[in-house]
C-alpha atoms as a PDB file:
ATOM      1  CA  UNK A   1     124.856  77.877 -33.195  1.00  0.00           C
ATOM      2  CA  UNK A   2     125.017  76.141 -30.359  1.00  0.00           C
ATOM      3  CA  UNK A   3     121.302  76.799 -29.080  1.00  0.00           C
ATOM      4  CA  UNK A   4     119.811  75.027 -32.196  1.00  0.00           C
ATOM      5  CA  UNK A   5     122.414  72.226 -32.118  1.00  0.00           C
ATOM      6  CA  UNK A   6     121.133  71.571 -28.009  1.00  0.00           C
ATOM      7  CA  UNK A   7     118.044  71.187 -28.929  1.00  0.00           C
ATOM      8  CA  UNK A   8     118.466  68.934 -31.974  1.00  0.00           C
ATOM      9  CA  UNK A   9     120.103  66.599 -29.422  1.00  0.00           C
ATOM     10  CA  UNK A  10     117.685  66.058 -27.168  1.00  0.00           C
ATOM     11  CA  UNK A  11     114.706  65.746 -29.241  1.00  0.00           C
ATOM     12  CA  UNK A  12     116.261  63.472 -30.898  1.00  0.00           C
ATOM     13  CA  UNK A  13     116.931  61.504 -27.648  1.00  0.00           C
ATOM     14  CA  UNK A  14     114.645  58.304 -27.362  1.00  0.00           C
ATOM     15  CA  UNK A  15     111.273  58.062 -25.654  1.00  0.00           C
ATOM     16  CA  UNK A  16     113.227  55.873 -23.039  1.00  0.00           C
ATOM     17  CA  UNK A  17     116.422  57.838 -22.479  1.00  0.00           C
ATOM     18  CA  UNK A  18     113.533  60.433 -21.941  1.00  0.00           C
ATOM     19  CA  UNK A  19     111.472  58.919 -19.313  1.00  0.00           C
ATOM     20  CA  UNK A  20     114.758  56.805 -17.387  1.00  0.00           C
ATOM     21  CA  UNK A  21     115.263  59.139 -14.695  1.00  0.00           C
ATOM     22  CA  UNK A  22     111.437  59.170 -14.024  1.00  0.00           C
ATOM     23  CA  UNK A  23     111.029  55.868 -13.399  1.00  0.00           C
ATOM     24  CA  UNK A  24     110.481  54.957 -10.000  1.00  0.00           C
ATOM     25  CA  UNK A  25     113.000  52.522  -7.935  1.00  0.00           C
ATOM     26  CA  UNK A  26     112.895  50.726  -5.228  1.00  0.00           C
ATOM     27  CA  UNK A  27     110.463  48.581  -3.310  1.00  0.00           C
ATOM     28  CA  UNK A  28     106.802  49.048  -4.660  1.00  0.00           C
ATOM     29  CA  UNK A  29     103.489  47.657  -3.545  1.00  0.00           C
ATOM     30  CA  UNK A  30     101.039  47.532  -6.356  1.00  0.00           C
ATOM     31  CA  UNK A  31      97.982  45.969  -7.741  1.00  0.00           C
ATOM     32  CA  UNK A  32      96.938  44.877 -11.102  1.00  0.00           C
ATOM     33  CA  UNK A  33      92.671  43.823 -11.645  1.00  0.00           C
ATOM     34  CA  UNK A  34      92.884  40.522 -13.830  1.00  0.00           C
ATOM     35  CA  UNK A  35      89.537  38.500 -14.267  1.00  0.00           C
ATOM     36  CA  UNK A  36      87.701  41.077 -12.353  1.00  0.00           C
ATOM     37  CA  UNK A  37      89.657  40.516  -9.140  1.00  0.00           C
ATOM     38  CA  UNK A  38      92.618  42.340  -7.879  1.00  0.00           C
ATOM     39  CA  UNK A  39      95.569  41.220  -7.296  1.00  0.00           C
ATOM     40  CA  UNK A  40      98.877  42.425  -5.553  1.00  0.00           C
ATOM     41  CA  UNK A  41     101.994  42.024  -5.464  1.00  0.00           C
ATOM     42  CA  UNK A  42     105.327  43.971  -4.495  1.00  0.00           C
ATOM     43  CA  UNK A  43     107.898  44.403  -6.788  1.00  0.00           C
ATOM     44  CA  UNK A  44     111.658  45.498  -6.321  1.00  0.00           C
ATOM     45  CA  UNK A  45     113.193  47.787  -9.020  1.00  0.00           C
ATOM     46  CA  UNK A  46     116.982  47.963  -8.787  1.00  0.00           C
ATOM     47  CA  UNK A  47     118.524  51.985  -8.277  1.00  0.00           C
ATOM     48  CA  UNK A  48     120.515  51.930 -11.587  1.00  0.00           C
ATOM     49  CA  UNK A  49     117.501  50.898 -13.603  1.00  0.00           C
ATOM     50  CA  UNK A  50     117.783  53.131 -16.534  1.00  0.00           C
ATOM     51  CA  UNK A  51     114.852  51.875 -19.035  1.00  0.00           C
ATOM     52  CA  UNK A  52     117.686  51.471 -21.548  1.00  0.00           C
ATOM     53  CA  UNK A  53     119.310  48.230 -20.731  1.00  0.00           C
ATOM     54  CA  UNK A  54     116.869  44.935 -20.841  1.00  0.00           C
ATOM     55  CA  UNK A  55     116.705  43.646 -17.111  1.00  0.00           C
ATOM     56  CA  UNK A  56     115.909  39.849 -16.111  1.00  0.00           C
ATOM     57  CA  UNK A  57     112.854  39.066 -13.702  1.00  0.00           C
ATOM     58  CA  UNK A  58     112.684  36.956 -10.826  1.00  0.00           C
ATOM     59  CA  UNK A  59     108.998  36.287  -9.715  1.00  0.00           C
ATOM     60  CA  UNK A  60     109.283  35.000  -5.116  1.00  0.00           C
ATOM     61  CA  UNK A  61     106.366  33.150  -4.566  1.00  0.00           C
ATOM     62  CA  UNK A  62     105.381  33.060  -0.837  1.00  0.00           C
ATOM     63  CA  UNK A  63     104.338  29.581   1.257  1.00  0.00           C
ATOM     64  CA  UNK A  64     100.981  28.256   2.201  1.00  0.00           C
ATOM     65  CA  UNK A  65      99.181  30.773   4.799  1.00  0.00           C
ATOM     66  CA  UNK A  66     101.834  33.402   3.939  1.00  0.00           C
ATOM     67  CA  UNK A  67     102.087  36.559   2.140  1.00  0.00           C
ATOM     68  CA  UNK A  68     104.140  38.689  -0.307  1.00  0.00           C
ATOM     69  CA  UNK A  69     105.583  40.891   2.638  1.00  0.00           C
ATOM     70  CA  UNK A  70     106.867  37.988   4.479  1.00  0.00           C
ATOM     71  CA  UNK A  71     108.034  36.509   2.029  1.00  0.00           C
ATOM     72  CA  UNK A  72     110.362  40.121   0.709  1.00  0.00           C
ATOM     73  CA  UNK A  73     111.816  40.169   3.714  1.00  0.00           C
ATOM     74  CA  UNK A  74     112.108  36.768   4.523  1.00  0.00           C
ATOM     75  CA  UNK A  75     113.955  36.231   1.300  1.00  0.00           C
ATOM     76  CA  UNK A  76     116.128  39.573   0.826  1.00  0.00           C
ATOM     77  CA  UNK A  77     115.802  39.621  -2.887  1.00  0.00           C
ATOM     78  CA  UNK A  78     115.841  42.961  -2.922  1.00  0.00           C
ATOM     79  CA  UNK A  79     119.456  43.108  -1.840  1.00  0.00           C
ATOM     80  CA  UNK A  80     120.384  40.732  -4.380  1.00  0.00           C
ATOM     81  CA  UNK A  81     118.523  42.644  -7.077  1.00  0.00           C
ATOM     82  CA  UNK A  82     120.340  45.830  -6.271  1.00  0.00           C
ATOM     83  CA  UNK A  83     123.883  43.757  -6.171  1.00  0.00           C
ATOM     84  CA  UNK A  84     122.936  41.644  -9.145  1.00  0.00           C
ATOM     85  CA  UNK A  85     120.889  44.184 -11.458  1.00  0.00           C
ATOM     86  CA  UNK A  86     117.349  42.119 -11.814  1.00  0.00           C
ATOM     87  CA  UNK A  87     113.421  42.897 -10.773  1.00  0.00           C
ATOM     88  CA  UNK A  88     112.145  40.799  -8.589  1.00  0.00           C
ATOM     89  CA  UNK A  89     108.574  40.583  -7.805  1.00  0.00           C
ATOM     90  CA  UNK A  90     106.612  38.983  -5.029  1.00  0.00           C
ATOM     91  CA  UNK A  91     103.171  38.446  -5.770  1.00  0.00           C
ATOM     92  CA  UNK A  92     100.660  37.552  -3.459  1.00  0.00           C
ATOM     93  CA  UNK A  93      98.173  34.623  -3.515  1.00  0.00           C
ATOM     94  CA  UNK A  94      94.465  34.511  -2.962  1.00  0.00           C
ATOM     95  CA  UNK A  95      93.631  33.104   0.734  1.00  0.00           C
ATOM     96  CA  UNK A  96      97.009  33.156   1.288  1.00  0.00           C
ATOM     97  CA  UNK A  97      98.253  29.818  -1.360  1.00  0.00           C
ATOM     98  CA  UNK A  98      98.706  29.513  -4.893  1.00  0.00           C
ATOM     99  CA  UNK A  99      96.606  27.189  -7.188  1.00  0.00           C
ATOM    100  CA  UNK A 100      98.493  24.246  -8.763  1.00  0.00           C
ATOM    101  CA  UNK A 101      96.134  22.306 -11.682  1.00  0.00           C
ATOM    102  CA  UNK A 102      96.767  23.148 -14.815  1.00  0.00           C
ATOM    103  CA  UNK A 103      93.431  23.770 -15.874  1.00  0.00           C
ATOM    104  CA  UNK A 104      91.485  26.883 -15.231  1.00  0.00           C
ATOM    105  CA  UNK A 105      94.132  28.283 -12.639  1.00  0.00           C
ATOM    106  CA  UNK A 106      93.853  32.485 -11.802  1.00  0.00           C
ATOM    107  CA  UNK A 107      97.120  32.376 -10.299  1.00  0.00           C
ATOM    108  CA  UNK A 108      98.536  31.244 -13.856  1.00  0.00           C
ATOM    109  CA  UNK A 109      96.170  33.929 -15.616  1.00  0.00           C
ATOM    110  CA  UNK A 110      97.607  36.257 -12.763  1.00  0.00           C
ATOM    111  CA  UNK A 111     101.111  35.227 -13.221  1.00  0.00           C
ATOM    112  CA  UNK A 112     100.791  35.477 -17.175  1.00  0.00           C
ATOM    113  CA  UNK A 113      98.492  39.170 -17.037  1.00  0.00           C
ATOM    114  CA  UNK A 114     101.242  40.357 -14.461  1.00  0.00           C
ATOM    115  CA  UNK A 115     104.068  39.226 -16.927  1.00  0.00           C
ATOM    116  CA  UNK A 116     102.674  41.096 -19.910  1.00  0.00           C
ATOM    117  CA  UNK A 117     102.084  44.244 -17.278  1.00  0.00           C
ATOM    118  CA  UNK A 118     105.859  44.284 -16.296  1.00  0.00           C
ATOM    119  CA  UNK A 119     106.617  43.540 -20.030  1.00  0.00           C
ATOM    120  CA  UNK A 120     104.788  46.876 -21.156  1.00  0.00           C
ATOM    121  CA  UNK A 121     105.893  49.196 -17.910  1.00  0.00           C
ATOM    122  CA  UNK A 122     109.588  47.813 -17.608  1.00  0.00           C
ATOM    123  CA  UNK A 123     112.654  47.245 -20.199  1.00  0.00           C
ATOM    124  CA  UNK A 124     112.517  43.611 -19.476  1.00  0.00           C
ATOM    125  CA  UNK A 125     115.134  40.738 -20.943  1.00  0.00           C
ATOM    126  CA  UNK A 126     111.973  38.682 -21.861  1.00  0.00           C
ATOM    127  CA  UNK A 127     113.867  35.201 -22.073  1.00  0.00           C
ATOM    128  CA  UNK A 128     114.901  35.547 -18.683  1.00  0.00           C
ATOM    129  CA  UNK A 129     112.154  35.372 -16.908  1.00  0.00           C
ATOM    130  CA  UNK A 130     112.714  32.991 -13.369  1.00  0.00           C
ATOM    131  CA  UNK A 131     109.985  31.696 -10.791  1.00  0.00           C
ATOM    132  CA  UNK A 132     110.647  30.569  -7.650  1.00  0.00           C
ATOM    133  CA  UNK A 133     109.418  30.215  -4.055  1.00  0.00           C
ATOM    134  CA  UNK A 134     109.177  28.270  -0.741  1.00  0.00           C
ATOM    135  CA  UNK A 135     106.876  25.562   0.223  1.00  0.00           C
ATOM    136  CA  UNK A 136     103.425  26.131  -1.948  1.00  0.00           C
ATOM    137  CA  UNK A 137     105.166  28.520  -3.576  1.00  0.00           C
ATOM    138  CA  UNK A 138     107.753  26.169  -4.760  1.00  0.00           C
ATOM    139  CA  UNK A 139     104.817  23.807  -5.933  1.00  0.00           C
ATOM    140  CA  UNK A 140     103.660  26.694  -7.711  1.00  0.00           C
ATOM    141  CA  UNK A 141     107.082  27.323  -9.954  1.00  0.00           C
ATOM    142  CA  UNK A 142     106.683  23.853 -10.885  1.00  0.00           C
ATOM    143  CA  UNK A 143     103.360  24.273 -12.250  1.00  0.00           C
ATOM    144  CA  UNK A 144     104.620  27.401 -13.916  1.00  0.00           C
ATOM    145  CA  UNK A 145     107.793  25.391 -15.639  1.00  0.00           C
ATOM    146  CA  UNK A 146     104.659  23.184 -17.083  1.00  0.00           C
ATOM    147  CA  UNK A 147     102.060  25.324 -17.887  1.00  0.00           C
ATOM    148  CA  UNK A 148     104.231  28.551 -18.813  1.00  0.00           C
ATOM    149  CA  UNK A 149     107.005  26.478 -19.997  1.00  0.00           C
ATOM    150  CA  UNK A 150     107.012  29.457 -23.294  1.00  0.00           C
ATOM    151  CA  UNK A 151     108.455  32.084 -20.990  1.00  0.00           C
ATOM    152  CA  UNK A 152     109.649  30.534 -17.569  1.00  0.00           C
ATOM    153  CA  UNK A 153     113.548  29.726 -18.238  1.00  0.00           C
ATOM    154  CA  UNK A 154     113.996  28.159 -15.129  1.00  0.00           C
ATOM    155  CA  UNK A 155     112.812  27.689 -11.825  1.00  0.00           C
ATOM    156  CA  UNK A 156     113.950  26.962  -8.038  1.00  0.00           C
ATOM    157  CA  UNK A 157     112.124  25.369  -5.391  1.00  0.00           C
ATOM    158  CA  UNK A 158     112.812  25.687  -1.863  1.00  0.00           C
ATOM    159  CA  UNK A 159     111.207  23.194   0.468  1.00  0.00           C
ATOM    160  CA  UNK A 160     108.373  22.729  -2.452  1.00  0.00           C
ATOM    161  CA  UNK A 161     107.217  19.940  -4.402  1.00  0.00           C
ATOM    162  CA  UNK A 162     106.470  18.683  -7.688  1.00  0.00           C
ATOM    163  CA  UNK A 163     103.226  16.494  -7.088  1.00  0.00           C
ATOM    164  CA  UNK A 164     101.997  13.624  -8.969  1.00  0.00           C
ATOM    165  CA  UNK A 165      98.930  15.338 -10.443  1.00  0.00           C
ATOM    166  CA  UNK A 166     101.803  17.925 -11.646  1.00  0.00           C
ATOM    167  CA  UNK A 167     103.618  15.488 -13.067  1.00  0.00           C
ATOM    168  CA  UNK A 168     101.156  13.555 -14.827  1.00  0.00           C
ATOM    169  CA  UNK A 169      99.708  16.685 -16.754  1.00  0.00           C
ATOM    170  CA  UNK A 170     103.234  18.613 -17.614  1.00  0.00           C
ATOM    171  CA  UNK A 171     103.707  18.362 -20.794  1.00  0.00           C
ATOM    172  CA  UNK A 172     106.872  20.935 -21.397  1.00  0.00           C
ATOM    173  CA  UNK A 173     107.765  22.371 -24.924  1.00  0.00           C
ATOM    174  CA  UNK A 174     111.472  22.879 -24.419  1.00  0.00           C
ATOM    175  CA  UNK A 175     114.179  22.059 -21.897  1.00  0.00           C
ATOM    176  CA  UNK A 176     114.339  23.791 -18.628  1.00  0.00           C
ATOM    177  CA  UNK A 177     116.599  24.529 -16.037  1.00  0.00           C
ATOM    178  CA  UNK A 178     115.796  22.935 -12.353  1.00  0.00           C
ATOM    179  CA  UNK A 179     117.084  23.661  -8.878  1.00  0.00           C
ATOM    180  CA  UNK A 180     115.257  21.914  -6.271  1.00  0.00           C
ATOM    181  CA  UNK A 181     116.551  22.457  -2.384  1.00  0.00           C
ATOM    182  CA  UNK A 182     114.999  20.600   0.410  1.00  0.00           C
ATOM    183  CA  UNK A 183     115.457  19.264   3.857  1.00  0.00           C
ATOM    184  CA  UNK A 184     115.470  15.710   4.855  1.00  0.00           C
ATOM    185  CA  UNK A 185     113.573  16.173   7.916  1.00  0.00           C
ATOM    186  CA  UNK A 186     110.659  18.633   6.413  1.00  0.00           C
ATOM    187  CA  UNK A 187     107.732  18.268   8.350  1.00  0.00           C
ATOM    188  CA  UNK A 188     105.686  19.400   5.914  1.00  0.00           C
ATOM    189  CA  UNK A 189     106.979  18.586   2.646  1.00  0.00           C
ATOM    190  CA  UNK A 190     108.118  14.830   3.006  1.00  0.00           C
ATOM    191  CA  UNK A 191     111.140  14.933   1.161  1.00  0.00           C
ATOM    192  CA  UNK A 192     110.253  11.070   0.083  1.00  0.00           C
ATOM    193  CA  UNK A 193     109.092  12.610  -2.577  1.00  0.00           C
ATOM    194  CA  UNK A 194     111.551  14.911  -3.988  1.00  0.00           C
ATOM    195  CA  UNK A 195     113.148  12.439  -6.210  1.00  0.00           C
ATOM    196  CA  UNK A 196     110.348  11.737  -8.409  1.00  0.00           C
ATOM    197  CA  UNK A 197     109.835  15.751  -9.477  1.00  0.00           C
ATOM    198  CA  UNK A 198     113.716  15.609  -9.820  1.00  0.00           C
ATOM    199  CA  UNK A 199     113.466  12.089 -12.449  1.00  0.00           C
ATOM    200  CA  UNK A 200     110.684  13.693 -14.380  1.00  0.00           C
ATOM    201  CA  UNK A 201     113.226  16.665 -15.278  1.00  0.00           C
ATOM    202  CA  UNK A 202     115.984  14.642 -15.766  1.00  0.00           C
ATOM    203  CA  UNK A 203     114.153  12.435 -18.634  1.00  0.00           C
ATOM    204  CA  UNK A 204     112.439  15.796 -19.857  1.00  0.00           C
ATOM    205  CA  UNK A 205     116.532  17.373 -20.395  1.00  0.00           C
ATOM    206  CA  UNK A 206     117.945  14.010 -20.993  1.00  0.00           C
ATOM    207  CA  UNK A 207     120.536  14.952 -18.653  1.00  0.00           C
ATOM    208  CA  UNK A 208     123.194  12.399 -17.336  1.00  0.00           C
ATOM    209  CA  UNK A 209     121.044  10.275 -15.107  1.00  0.00           C
ATOM    210  CA  UNK A 210     123.977   9.578 -12.876  1.00  0.00           C
ATOM    211  CA  UNK A 211     124.651  13.011 -10.905  1.00  0.00           C
ATOM    212  CA  UNK A 212     127.534  14.633  -9.918  1.00  0.00           C
ATOM    213  CA  UNK A 213     127.959  14.416  -5.943  1.00  0.00           C
ATOM    214  CA  UNK A 214     130.079  16.492  -3.452  1.00  0.00           C
ATOM    215  CA  UNK A 215     129.857  17.665  -0.201  1.00  0.00           C
ATOM    216  CA  UNK A 216     129.409  21.742   0.380  1.00  0.00           C
ATOM    217  CA  UNK A 217     131.114  22.974   3.669  1.00  0.00           C
ATOM    218  CA  UNK A 218     129.946  22.807   6.904  1.00  0.00           C
ATOM    219  CA  UNK A 219     130.499  26.345   7.869  1.00  0.00           C
ATOM    220  CA  UNK A 220     128.223  26.277  10.519  1.00  0.00           C
ATOM    221  CA  UNK A 221     128.512  23.089  12.943  1.00  0.00           C
ATOM    222  CA  UNK A 222     126.103  24.287  15.234  1.00  0.00           C
ATOM    223  CA  UNK A 223     122.845  24.513  12.758  1.00  0.00           C
ATOM    224  CA  UNK A 224     122.599  20.743  12.455  1.00  0.00           C
ATOM    225  CA  UNK A 225     122.423  20.000   9.122  1.00  0.00           C
ATOM    226  CA  UNK A 226     125.067  19.371   6.244  1.00  0.00           C
ATOM    227  CA  UNK A 227     124.300  19.968   2.260  1.00  0.00           C
ATOM    228  CA  UNK A 228     125.056  17.383  -0.033  1.00  0.00           C
ATOM    229  CA  UNK A 229     125.043  19.044  -4.102  1.00  0.00           C
ATOM    230  CA  UNK A 230     123.642  16.319  -6.731  1.00  0.00           C
ATOM    231  CA  UNK A 231     123.905  18.109 -10.133  1.00  0.00           C
ATOM    232  CA  UNK A 232     122.323  16.201 -13.459  1.00  0.00           C
ATOM    233  CA  UNK A 233     124.442  17.818 -16.102  1.00  0.00           C
ATOM    234  CA  UNK A 234     124.795  17.764 -19.928  1.00  0.00           C
ATOM    235  CA  UNK A 235     120.981  18.494 -20.495  1.00  0.00           C
ATOM    236  CA  UNK A 236     119.580  19.376 -23.601  1.00  0.00           C
ATOM    237  CA  UNK A 237     120.358  23.298 -24.949  1.00  0.00           C
ATOM    238  CA  UNK A 238     123.063  22.523 -22.045  1.00  0.00           C
ATOM    239  CA  UNK A 239     120.597  22.631 -19.334  1.00  0.00           C
ATOM    240  CA  UNK A 240     120.948  21.349 -15.698  1.00  0.00           C
ATOM    241  CA  UNK A 241     118.962  19.263 -12.929  1.00  0.00           C
ATOM    242  CA  UNK A 242     120.607  20.434  -9.515  1.00  0.00           C
ATOM    243  CA  UNK A 243     119.339  19.149  -6.169  1.00  0.00           C
ATOM    244  CA  UNK A 244     120.842  20.539  -2.541  1.00  0.00           C
ATOM    245  CA  UNK A 245     119.781  17.992  -0.599  1.00  0.00           C
ATOM    246  CA  UNK A 246     119.793  19.402   3.136  1.00  0.00           C
ATOM    247  CA  UNK A 247     120.261  16.387   5.800  1.00  0.00           C
ATOM    248  CA  UNK A 248     118.578  17.262   8.761  1.00  0.00           C
ATOM    249  CA  UNK A 249     117.046  20.457   7.409  1.00  0.00           C
ATOM    250  CA  UNK A 250     113.268  20.978   8.226  1.00  0.00           C
ATOM    251  CA  UNK A 251     110.835  23.254   6.201  1.00  0.00           C
ATOM    252  CA  UNK A 252     113.048  26.269   6.079  1.00  0.00           C
ATOM    253  CA  UNK A 253     114.610  28.638   3.909  1.00  0.00           C
ATOM    254  CA  UNK A 254     118.396  27.950   4.314  1.00  0.00           C
ATOM    255  CA  UNK A 255     120.266  30.892   4.905  1.00  0.00           C
ATOM    256  CA  UNK A 256     117.986  32.764   7.037  1.00  0.00           C
ATOM    257  CA  UNK A 257     116.431  29.885   9.096  1.00  0.00           C
ATOM    258  CA  UNK A 258     117.701  26.186   9.844  1.00  0.00           C
ATOM    259  CA  UNK A 259     121.194  25.346   7.711  1.00  0.00           C
ATOM    260  CA  UNK A 260     123.148  28.147   7.348  1.00  0.00           C
ATOM    261  CA  UNK A 261     125.832  26.443   5.320  1.00  0.00           C
ATOM    262  CA  UNK A 262     123.990  28.025   2.001  1.00  0.00           C
ATOM    263  CA  UNK A 263     122.101  31.006   1.617  1.00  0.00           C
ATOM    264  CA  UNK A 264     118.747  29.486  -0.567  1.00  0.00           C
ATOM    265  CA  UNK A 265     118.912  33.239  -2.161  1.00  0.00           C
ATOM    266  CA  UNK A 266     122.417  33.353  -3.229  1.00  0.00           C
ATOM    267  CA  UNK A 267     121.954  29.517  -4.529  1.00  0.00           C
ATOM    268  CA  UNK A 268     118.833  30.357  -6.623  1.00  0.00           C
ATOM    269  CA  UNK A 269     119.906  33.445  -8.123  1.00  0.00           C
ATOM    270  CA  UNK A 270     123.460  32.139  -8.723  1.00  0.00           C
ATOM    271  CA  UNK A 271     121.683  28.787 -10.409  1.00  0.00           C
ATOM    272  CA  UNK A 272     119.136  30.365 -12.712  1.00  0.00           C
ATOM    273  CA  UNK A 273     120.599  33.357 -14.067  1.00  0.00           C
ATOM    274  CA  UNK A 274     123.137  31.319 -15.943  1.00  0.00           C
ATOM    275  CA  UNK A 275     119.831  30.143 -18.373  1.00  0.00           C
ATOM    276  CA  UNK A 276     117.681  31.643 -20.560  1.00  0.00           C
ATOM    277  CA  UNK A 277     114.546  30.468 -22.835  1.00  0.00           C
ATOM    278  CA  UNK A 278     117.336  28.588 -25.337  1.00  0.00           C
ATOM    279  CA  UNK A 279     119.502  27.167 -22.479  1.00  0.00           C
ATOM    280  CA  UNK A 280     122.604  27.685 -20.869  1.00  0.00           C
ATOM    281  CA  UNK A 281     124.139  31.103 -21.590  1.00  0.00           C
ATOM    282  CA  UNK A 282     127.258  30.603 -18.874  1.00  0.00           C
END
């Protein structure tokens, strides 16, 4: 009776359990045709992915003139994904840039198609889809916060801005947590424009108007910069707006270059993972 019993157990396994060992892990470069255009992206799937437990996804968008490979190496999100058990995706922009306008945007189409594709190929925690990016990629994360508000749970921008045109076009349908990391001496994305983006989300999320302000320990006194933390809390669904102000910082990804008191990748994931489409979860 042992053999029939074993066969019965094998047949009773779910499709996911049978396929799980064959799911490729680690870093992969793939293509996806969207609106007739072949688009590229890097995906990193942690080694303990089993196709049974749903995992969150983090999109990481490169800066202007940069590319997915540089962003992959610059942010080291793969190491975090391995440790924290999430999937990270580094898309590649057309002509090394991201389009920011709301209507007829090929990059919004790409992101949505890519998300659909990933949800078909992997077991995804669909209420925990996040976006981050540097510079133009940070700008684009704000665009996604507005235009894919029904699917993006929270976003983080590093050296990016929510431009005035984006503010004017943005009509979110739900509260959405925001992290903004920016240097006061950024020569490319002027710090003077940071607050207007913060104000938009503070008002939309109905957080406290007055932030809790604190200083991050200056653990590297040789990097020429320090970090102040501004926490706008008690928003609808308990969402938050967090600003890490890098005083003296430039157009850099902290922890990789410039300020070494914080690690931008660590800060991004630590913040984003606390939220899903319904608000704060932890």
